[in-house]
Amino acid sequence: MKQRDYETLRRHLAINIKAFRREHALSQEGLSLEADVDRTYVSQIERSLGNPSLLILAALAGALGRDVGELLSPPSPRPRGK
C-alpha cells in the first residue's frame, strides 16, 4: 500500500468516526466511554493523527453500531452547511 493510500484511509476513518459519533449524539468523551478508548485517542483519530489497531477499530465500530469496513469506506457526501 502506498503512503498516499494510507493517508486517504486515515482521512476516511476520521470523517466517518466523527459523522457516526454525531449521528448517535455522542461527544468524544461519550464515544470513548462506550468503546473503552481514551478520549484523547478518539480526538487524534478524528484529526487523522491516530493509528488505531484492529482492536480499537472494532471497539469504536461496535460502540457506533457499525462494521469496521464502514469506518474505512469513502464517506458519503454531506449536505453543505452542516
PDB file of N, CA and C in Angstrom:
ATOM      1  N   MET A   1       0.851  -1.177   0.000  1.00  0.00           N
ATOM      2  CA  MET A   1       0.000   0.000   0.000  1.00  0.00           C
ATOM      3  C   MET A   1       0.895   1.239   0.000  1.00  0.00           C
ATOM      4  N   LYS A   2       0.585   2.158  -0.849  1.00  0.00           N
ATOM      5  CA  LYS A   2       1.348   3.395  -0.919  1.00  0.00           C
ATOM      6  C   LYS A   2       0.972   4.319   0.236  1.00  0.00           C
ATOM      7  N   GLN A   3       1.896   5.178   0.604  1.00  0.00           N
ATOM      8  CA  GLN A   3       1.665   6.126   1.704  1.00  0.00           C
ATOM      9  C   GLN A   3       0.427   6.980   1.439  1.00  0.00           C
ATOM     10  N   ARG A   4       0.243   7.382   0.200  1.00  0.00           N
ATOM     11  CA  ARG A   4      -0.909   8.220  -0.164  1.00  0.00           C
ATOM     12  C   ARG A   4      -2.210   7.473   0.122  1.00  0.00           C
ATOM     13  N   ASP A   5      -2.248   6.170  -0.183  1.00  0.00           N
ATOM     14  CA  ASP A   5      -3.445   5.372   0.070  1.00  0.00           C
ATOM     15  C   ASP A   5      -3.719   5.259   1.566  1.00  0.00           C
ATOM     16  N   TYR A   6      -2.663   5.120   2.342  1.00  0.00           N
ATOM     17  CA  TYR A   6      -2.790   5.039   3.796  1.00  0.00           C
ATOM     18  C   TYR A   6      -3.355   6.351   4.347  1.00  0.00           C
ATOM     19  N   GLU A   7      -2.858   7.465   3.847  1.00  0.00           N
ATOM     20  CA  GLU A   7      -3.358   8.774   4.296  1.00  0.00           C
ATOM     21  C   GLU A   7      -4.840   8.930   3.951  1.00  0.00           C
ATOM     22  N   THR A   8      -5.239   8.441   2.791  1.00  0.00           N
ATOM     23  CA  THR A   8      -6.641   8.508   2.394  1.00  0.00           C
ATOM     24  C   THR A   8      -7.506   7.695   3.342  1.00  0.00           C
ATOM     25  N   LEU A   9      -7.060   6.497   3.705  1.00  0.00           N
ATOM     26  CA  LEU A   9      -7.805   5.677   4.659  1.00  0.00           C
ATOM     27  C   LEU A   9      -7.945   6.376   6.012  1.00  0.00           C
ATOM     28  N   ARG A  10      -6.881   7.009   6.451  1.00  0.00           N
ATOM     29  CA  ARG A  10      -6.955   7.731   7.741  1.00  0.00           C
ATOM     30  C   ARG A  10      -7.940   8.891   7.662  1.00  0.00           C
ATOM     31  N   ARG A  11      -7.984   9.581   6.522  1.00  0.00           N
ATOM     32  CA  ARG A  11      -8.958  10.672   6.362  1.00  0.00           C
ATOM     33  C   ARG A  11     -10.381  10.123   6.364  1.00  0.00           C
ATOM     34  N   HIS A  12     -10.600   9.022   5.650  1.00  0.00           N
ATOM     35  CA  HIS A  12     -11.929   8.401   5.644  1.00  0.00           C
ATOM     36  C   HIS A  12     -12.337   8.021   7.063  1.00  0.00           C
ATOM     37  N   LEU A  13     -11.431   7.393   7.787  1.00  0.00           N
ATOM     38  CA  LEU A  13     -11.705   6.995   9.158  1.00  0.00           C
ATOM     39  C   LEU A  13     -12.062   8.205  10.015  1.00  0.00           C
ATOM     40  N   ALA A  14     -11.301   9.260   9.903  1.00  0.00           N
ATOM     41  CA  ALA A  14     -11.542  10.465  10.705  1.00  0.00           C
ATOM     42  C   ALA A  14     -12.922  11.046  10.424  1.00  0.00           C
ATOM     43  N   ILE A  15     -13.248  11.191   9.151  1.00  0.00           N
ATOM     44  CA  ILE A  15     -14.542  11.769   8.764  1.00  0.00           C
ATOM     45  C   ILE A  15     -15.686  10.873   9.233  1.00  0.00           C
ATOM     46  N   ASN A  16     -15.541   9.561   9.009  1.00  0.00           N
ATOM     47  CA  ASN A  16     -16.617   8.637   9.356  1.00  0.00           C
ATOM     48  C   ASN A  16     -16.828   8.522  10.855  1.00  0.00           C
ATOM     49  N   ILE A  17     -15.773   8.436  11.617  1.00  0.00           N
ATOM     50  CA  ILE A  17     -15.918   8.346  13.083  1.00  0.00           C
ATOM     51  C   ILE A  17     -16.670   9.570  13.596  1.00  0.00           C
ATOM     52  N   LYS A  18     -16.263  10.738  13.154  1.00  0.00           N
ATOM     53  CA  LYS A  18     -16.902  11.966  13.614  1.00  0.00           C
ATOM     54  C   LYS A  18     -18.376  12.013  13.200  1.00  0.00           C
ATOM     55  N   ALA A  19     -18.655  11.655  11.954  1.00  0.00           N
ATOM     56  CA  ALA A  19     -20.037  11.688  11.471  1.00  0.00           C
ATOM     57  C   ALA A  19     -20.915  10.677  12.209  1.00  0.00           C
ATOM     58  N   PHE A  20     -20.424   9.450  12.364  1.00  0.00           N
ATOM     59  CA  PHE A  20     -21.216   8.422  13.047  1.00  0.00           C
ATOM     60  C   PHE A  20     -21.394   8.781  14.523  1.00  0.00           C
ATOM     61  N   ARG A  21     -20.373   9.360  15.123  1.00  0.00           N
ATOM     62  CA  ARG A  21     -20.472   9.777  16.530  1.00  0.00           C
ATOM     63  C   ARG A  21     -21.560  10.828  16.678  1.00  0.00           C
ATOM     64  N   ARG A  22     -21.576  11.786  15.755  1.00  0.00           N
ATOM     65  CA  ARG A  22     -22.594  12.841  15.818  1.00  0.00           C
ATOM     66  C   ARG A  22     -23.991  12.294  15.552  1.00  0.00           C
ATOM     67  N   GLU A  23     -24.111  11.302  14.656  1.00  0.00           N
ATOM     68  CA  GLU A  23     -25.413  10.670  14.401  1.00  0.00           C
ATOM     69  C   GLU A  23     -25.979  10.061  15.684  1.00  0.00           C
ATOM     70  N   HIS A  24     -25.099   9.580  16.541  1.00  0.00           N
ATOM     71  CA  HIS A  24     -25.514   8.986  17.814  1.00  0.00           C
ATOM     72  C   HIS A  24     -25.566  10.022  18.933  1.00  0.00           C
ATOM     73  N   ALA A  25     -25.363  11.287  18.582  1.00  0.00           N
ATOM     74  CA  ALA A  25     -25.376  12.377  19.569  1.00  0.00           C
ATOM     75  C   ALA A  25     -24.404  12.106  20.710  1.00  0.00           C
ATOM     76  N   LEU A  26     -23.225  11.586  20.352  1.00  0.00           N
ATOM     77  CA  LEU A  26     -22.198  11.305  21.349  1.00  0.00           C
ATOM     78  C   LEU A  26     -21.087  12.344  21.273  1.00  0.00           C
ATOM     79  N   SER A  27     -20.597  12.746  22.401  1.00  0.00           N
ATOM     80  CA  SER A  27     -19.383  13.546  22.460  1.00  0.00           C
ATOM     81  C   SER A  27     -18.200  12.597  22.287  1.00  0.00           C
ATOM     82  N   GLN A  28     -17.023  13.154  22.127  1.00  0.00           N
ATOM     83  CA  GLN A  28     -15.829  12.308  22.093  1.00  0.00           C
ATOM     84  C   GLN A  28     -15.710  11.527  23.398  1.00  0.00           C
ATOM     85  N   GLU A  29     -16.033  12.177  24.495  1.00  0.00           N
ATOM     86  CA  GLU A  29     -15.993  11.523  25.807  1.00  0.00           C
ATOM     87  C   GLU A  29     -16.986  10.369  25.858  1.00  0.00           C
ATOM     88  N   GLY A  30     -18.200  10.607  25.354  1.00  0.00           N
ATOM     89  CA  GLY A  30     -19.212   9.558  25.350  1.00  0.00           C
ATOM     90  C   GLY A  30     -18.784   8.355  24.520  1.00  0.00           C
ATOM     91  N   LEU A  31     -18.228   8.616  23.343  1.00  0.00           N
ATOM     92  CA  LEU A  31     -17.749   7.522  22.498  1.00  0.00           C
ATOM     93  C   LEU A  31     -16.602   6.788  23.176  1.00  0.00           C
ATOM     94  N   SER A  32     -15.721   7.548  23.799  1.00  0.00           N
ATOM     95  CA  SER A  32     -14.578   6.905  24.451  1.00  0.00           C
ATOM     96  C   SER A  32     -15.032   5.986  25.582  1.00  0.00           C
ATOM     97  N   LEU A  33     -16.054   6.393  26.315  1.00  0.00           N
ATOM     98  CA  LEU A  33     -16.586   5.552  27.396  1.00  0.00           C
ATOM     99  C   LEU A  33     -17.268   4.308  26.833  1.00  0.00           C
ATOM    100  N   GLU A  34     -18.059   4.470  25.767  1.00  0.00           N
ATOM    101  CA  GLU A  34     -18.756   3.334  25.146  1.00  0.00           C
ATOM    102  C   GLU A  34     -17.773   2.313  24.579  1.00  0.00           C
ATOM    103  N   ALA A  35     -16.685   2.805  23.978  1.00  0.00           N
ATOM    104  CA  ALA A  35     -15.722   1.924  23.308  1.00  0.00           C
ATOM    105  C   ALA A  35     -14.560   1.524  24.208  1.00  0.00           C
ATOM    106  N   ASP A  36     -14.478   2.127  25.397  1.00  0.00           N
ATOM    107  CA  ASP A  36     -13.356   1.896  26.316  1.00  0.00           C
ATOM    108  C   ASP A  36     -12.019   2.252  25.649  1.00  0.00           C
ATOM    109  N   VAL A  37     -12.020   3.450  25.049  1.00  0.00           N
ATOM    110  CA  VAL A  37     -10.838   4.010  24.382  1.00  0.00           C
ATOM    111  C   VAL A  37     -10.616   5.398  24.984  1.00  0.00           C
ATOM    112  N   ASP A  38      -9.391   5.786  25.207  1.00  0.00           N
ATOM    113  CA  ASP A  38      -9.101   7.099  25.785  1.00  0.00           C
ATOM    114  C   ASP A  38      -9.653   8.221  24.912  1.00  0.00           C
ATOM    115  N   ARG A  39     -10.258   9.228  25.534  1.00  0.00           N
ATOM    116  CA  ARG A  39     -10.855  10.334  24.796  1.00  0.00           C
ATOM    117  C   ARG A  39      -9.846  11.051  23.920  1.00  0.00           C
ATOM    118  N   THR A  40      -8.634  11.230  24.412  1.00  0.00           N
ATOM    119  CA  THR A  40      -7.637  11.929  23.605  1.00  0.00           C
ATOM    120  C   THR A  40      -7.277  11.127  22.363  1.00  0.00           C
ATOM    121  N   TYR A  41      -7.380   9.802  22.449  1.00  0.00           N
ATOM    122  CA  TYR A  41      -7.101   8.966  21.280  1.00  0.00           C
ATOM    123  C   TYR A  41      -8.226   9.099  20.253  1.00  0.00           C
ATOM    124  N   VAL A  42      -9.476   9.174  20.720  1.00  0.00           N
ATOM    125  CA  VAL A  42     -10.604   9.417  19.811  1.00  0.00           C
ATOM    126  C   VAL A  42     -10.370  10.742  19.085  1.00  0.00           C
ATOM    127  N   SER A  43      -9.943  11.758  19.803  1.00  0.00           N
ATOM    128  CA  SER A  43      -9.644  13.050  19.201  1.00  0.00           C
ATOM    129  C   SER A  43      -8.550  12.934  18.144  1.00  0.00           C
ATOM    130  N   GLN A  44      -7.514  12.194  18.453  1.00  0.00           N
ATOM    131  CA  GLN A  44      -6.422  12.013  17.480  1.00  0.00           C
ATOM    132  C   GLN A  44      -6.914  11.302  16.226  1.00  0.00           C
ATOM    133  N   ILE A  45      -7.747  10.304  16.395  1.00  0.00           N
ATOM    134  CA  ILE A  45      -8.286   9.571  15.244  1.00  0.00           C
ATOM    135  C   ILE A  45      -9.131  10.508  14.387  1.00  0.00           C
ATOM    136  N   GLU A  46      -9.963  11.315  15.026  1.00  0.00           N
ATOM    137  CA  GLU A  46     -10.821  12.249  14.290  1.00  0.00           C
ATOM    138  C   GLU A  46     -10.028  13.351  13.586  1.00  0.00           C
ATOM    139  N   ARG A  47      -8.790  13.544  13.982  1.00  0.00           N
ATOM    140  CA  ARG A  47      -7.933  14.538  13.317  1.00  0.00           C
ATOM    141  C   ARG A  47      -6.918  13.874  12.392  1.00  0.00           C
ATOM    142  N   SER A  48      -7.109  12.611  12.096  1.00  0.00           N
ATOM    143  CA  SER A  48      -6.220  11.824  11.223  1.00  0.00           C
ATOM    144  C   SER A  48      -4.804  11.718  11.770  1.00  0.00           C
ATOM    145  N   LEU A  49      -4.666  11.764  13.079  1.00  0.00           N
ATOM    146  CA  LEU A  49      -3.350  11.655  13.694  1.00  0.00           C
ATOM    147  C   LEU A  49      -3.115  10.280  14.308  1.00  0.00           C
ATOM    148  N   GLY A  50      -4.193   9.625  14.725  1.00  0.00           N
ATOM    149  CA  GLY A  50      -4.068   8.325  15.371  1.00  0.00           C
ATOM    150  C   GLY A  50      -3.903   7.201  14.365  1.00  0.00           C
ATOM    151  N   ASN A  51      -3.281   6.127  14.807  1.00  0.00           N
ATOM    152  CA  ASN A  51      -3.085   4.934  14.001  1.00  0.00           C
ATOM    153  C   ASN A  51      -3.661   3.760  14.791  1.00  0.00           C
ATOM    154  N   PRO A  52      -5.007   3.626  14.797  1.00  0.00           N
ATOM    155  CA  PRO A  52      -5.623   2.636  15.673  1.00  0.00           C
ATOM    156  C   PRO A  52      -5.380   1.205  15.226  1.00  0.00           C
ATOM    157  N   SER A  53      -5.298   0.335  16.213  1.00  0.00           N
ATOM    158  CA  SER A  53      -5.176  -1.104  15.960  1.00  0.00           C
ATOM    159  C   SER A  53      -6.538  -1.644  15.532  1.00  0.00           C
ATOM    160  N   LEU A  54      -6.541  -2.886  15.080  1.00  0.00           N
ATOM    161  CA  LEU A  54      -7.805  -3.539  14.732  1.00  0.00           C
ATOM    162  C   LEU A  54      -8.707  -3.651  15.955  1.00  0.00           C
ATOM    163  N   LEU A  55      -8.131  -3.882  17.105  1.00  0.00           N
ATOM    164  CA  LEU A  55      -8.904  -3.974  18.337  1.00  0.00           C
ATOM    165  C   LEU A  55      -9.630  -2.662  18.623  1.00  0.00           C
ATOM    166  N   ILE A  56      -8.930  -1.543  18.473  1.00  0.00           N
ATOM    167  CA  ILE A  56      -9.534  -0.221  18.697  1.00  0.00           C
ATOM    168  C   ILE A  56     -10.604   0.050  17.642  1.00  0.00           C
ATOM    169  N   LEU A  57     -10.314  -0.269  16.371  1.00  0.00           N
ATOM    170  CA  LEU A  57     -11.308  -0.074  15.315  1.00  0.00           C
ATOM    171  C   LEU A  57     -12.571  -0.877  15.601  1.00  0.00           C
ATOM    172  N   ALA A  58     -12.407  -2.121  16.042  1.00  0.00           N
ATOM    173  CA  ALA A  58     -13.555  -2.963  16.357  1.00  0.00           C
ATOM    174  C   ALA A  58     -14.352  -2.389  17.531  1.00  0.00           C
ATOM    175  N   ALA A  59     -13.664  -1.873  18.530  1.00  0.00           N
ATOM    176  CA  ALA A  59     -14.348  -1.292  19.688  1.00  0.00           C
ATOM    177  C   ALA A  59     -15.132  -0.046  19.286  1.00  0.00           C
ATOM    178  N   LEU A  60     -14.529   0.804  18.474  1.00  0.00           N
ATOM    179  CA  LEU A  60     -15.216   2.010  18.012  1.00  0.00           C
ATOM    180  C   LEU A  60     -16.410   1.654  17.129  1.00  0.00           C
ATOM    181  N   ALA A  61     -16.211   0.717  16.211  1.00  0.00           N
ATOM    182  CA  ALA A  61     -17.296   0.292  15.333  1.00  0.00           C
ATOM    183  C   ALA A  61     -18.457  -0.266  16.152  1.00  0.00           C
ATOM    184  N   GLY A  62     -18.148  -1.099  17.128  1.00  0.00           N
ATOM    185  CA  GLY A  62     -19.191  -1.669  17.976  1.00  0.00           C
ATOM    186  C   GLY A  62     -19.963  -0.605  18.739  1.00  0.00           C
ATOM    187  N   ALA A  63     -19.262   0.361  19.270  1.00  0.00           N
ATOM    188  CA  ALA A  63     -19.902   1.444  20.022  1.00  0.00           C
ATOM    189  C   ALA A  63     -20.793   2.297  19.126  1.00  0.00           C
ATOM    190  N   LEU A  64     -20.468   2.343  17.851  1.00  0.00           N
ATOM    191  CA  LEU A  64     -21.231   3.154  16.892  1.00  0.00           C
ATOM    192  C   LEU A  64     -22.250   2.328  16.110  1.00  0.00           C
ATOM    193  N   GLY A  65     -22.312   1.028  16.395  1.00  0.00           N
ATOM    194  CA  GLY A  65     -23.257   0.163  15.695  1.00  0.00           C
ATOM    195  C   GLY A  65     -22.928  -0.004  14.221  1.00  0.00           C
ATOM    196  N   ARG A  66     -21.646   0.011  13.897  1.00  0.00           N
ATOM    197  CA  ARG A  66     -21.184  -0.092  12.506  1.00  0.00           C
ATOM    198  C   ARG A  66     -20.208  -1.247  12.366  1.00  0.00           C
ATOM    199  N   ASP A  67     -19.923  -1.592  11.115  1.00  0.00           N
ATOM    200  CA  ASP A  67     -18.869  -2.561  10.816  1.00  0.00           C
ATOM    201  C   ASP A  67     -17.561  -1.806  10.646  1.00  0.00           C
ATOM    202  N   VAL A  68     -16.456  -2.470  10.895  1.00  0.00           N
ATOM    203  CA  VAL A  68     -15.144  -1.845  10.717  1.00  0.00           C
ATOM    204  C   VAL A  68     -14.993  -1.331   9.284  1.00  0.00           C
ATOM    205  N   GLY A  69     -15.474  -2.087   8.317  1.00  0.00           N
ATOM    206  CA  GLY A  69     -15.386  -1.665   6.922  1.00  0.00           C
ATOM    207  C   GLY A  69     -16.065  -0.335   6.657  1.00  0.00           C
ATOM    208  N   GLU A  70     -17.170  -0.066   7.362  1.00  0.00           N
ATOM    209  CA  GLU A  70     -17.870   1.211   7.192  1.00  0.00           C
ATOM    210  C   GLU A  70     -17.018   2.377   7.694  1.00  0.00           C
ATOM    211  N   LEU A  71     -16.212   2.125   8.700  1.00  0.00           N
ATOM    212  CA  LEU A  71     -15.360   3.192   9.227  1.00  0.00           C
ATOM    213  C   LEU A  71     -14.276   3.590   8.228  1.00  0.00           C
ATOM    214  N   LEU A  72     -13.859   2.640   7.400  1.00  0.00           N
ATOM    215  CA  LEU A  72     -12.761   2.884   6.456  1.00  0.00           C
ATOM    216  C   LEU A  72     -13.232   3.214   5.046  1.00  0.00           C
ATOM    217  N   SER A  73     -14.524   3.084   4.790  1.00  0.00           N
ATOM    218  CA  SER A  73     -15.066   3.337   3.459  1.00  0.00           C
ATOM    219  C   SER A  73     -15.059   4.827   3.135  1.00  0.00           C
ATOM    220  N   PRO A  74     -15.056   5.164   1.843  1.00  0.00           N
ATOM    221  CA  PRO A  74     -15.178   6.584   1.486  1.00  0.00           C
ATOM    222  C   PRO A  74     -16.449   7.148   2.107  1.00  0.00           C
ATOM    223  N   PRO A  75     -16.352   8.305   2.729  1.00  0.00           N
ATOM    224  CA  PRO A  75     -17.524   8.887   3.389  1.00  0.00           C
ATOM    225  C   PRO A  75     -18.581   9.299   2.383  1.00  0.00           C
ATOM    226  N   SER A  76     -19.820   9.239   2.820  1.00  0.00           N
ATOM    227  CA  SER A  76     -20.935   9.721   1.988  1.00  0.00           C
ATOM    228  C   SER A  76     -20.856  11.224   1.895  1.00  0.00           C
ATOM    229  N   PRO A  77     -21.222  11.769   0.742  1.00  0.00           N
ATOM    230  CA  PRO A  77     -21.241  13.238   0.640  1.00  0.00           C
ATOM    231  C   PRO A  77     -22.213  13.811   1.651  1.00  0.00           C
ATOM    232  N   ARG A  78     -21.803  14.851   2.324  1.00  0.00           N
ATOM    233  CA  ARG A  78     -22.642  15.517   3.312  1.00  0.00           C
ATOM    234  C   ARG A  78     -23.217  16.794   2.691  1.00  0.00           C
ATOM    235  N   PRO A  79     -24.456  17.117   3.054  1.00  0.00           N
ATOM    236  CA  PRO A  79     -25.007  18.384   2.558  1.00  0.00           C
ATOM    237  C   PRO A  79     -24.159  19.566   3.037  1.00  0.00           C
ATOM    238  N   ARG A  80     -23.981  20.524   2.169  1.00  0.00           N
ATOM    239  CA  ARG A  80     -23.213  21.724   2.541  1.00  0.00           C
ATOM    240  C   ARG A  80     -23.924  22.495   3.618  1.00  0.00           C
ATOM    241  N   GLY A  81     -23.129  23.134   4.476  1.00  0.00           N
ATOM    242  CA  GLY A  81     -23.703  23.943   5.544  1.00  0.00           C
ATOM    243  C   GLY A  81     -24.047  23.162   6.794  1.00  0.00           C
ATOM    244  N   LYS A  82     -23.687  21.885   6.829  1.00  0.00           N
ATOM    245  CA  LYS A  82     -23.974  21.071   8.021  1.00  0.00           C
ATOM    246  C   LYS A  82     -22.718  20.648   8.678  1.00  0.00           C
TER     247      LYS A  82
END
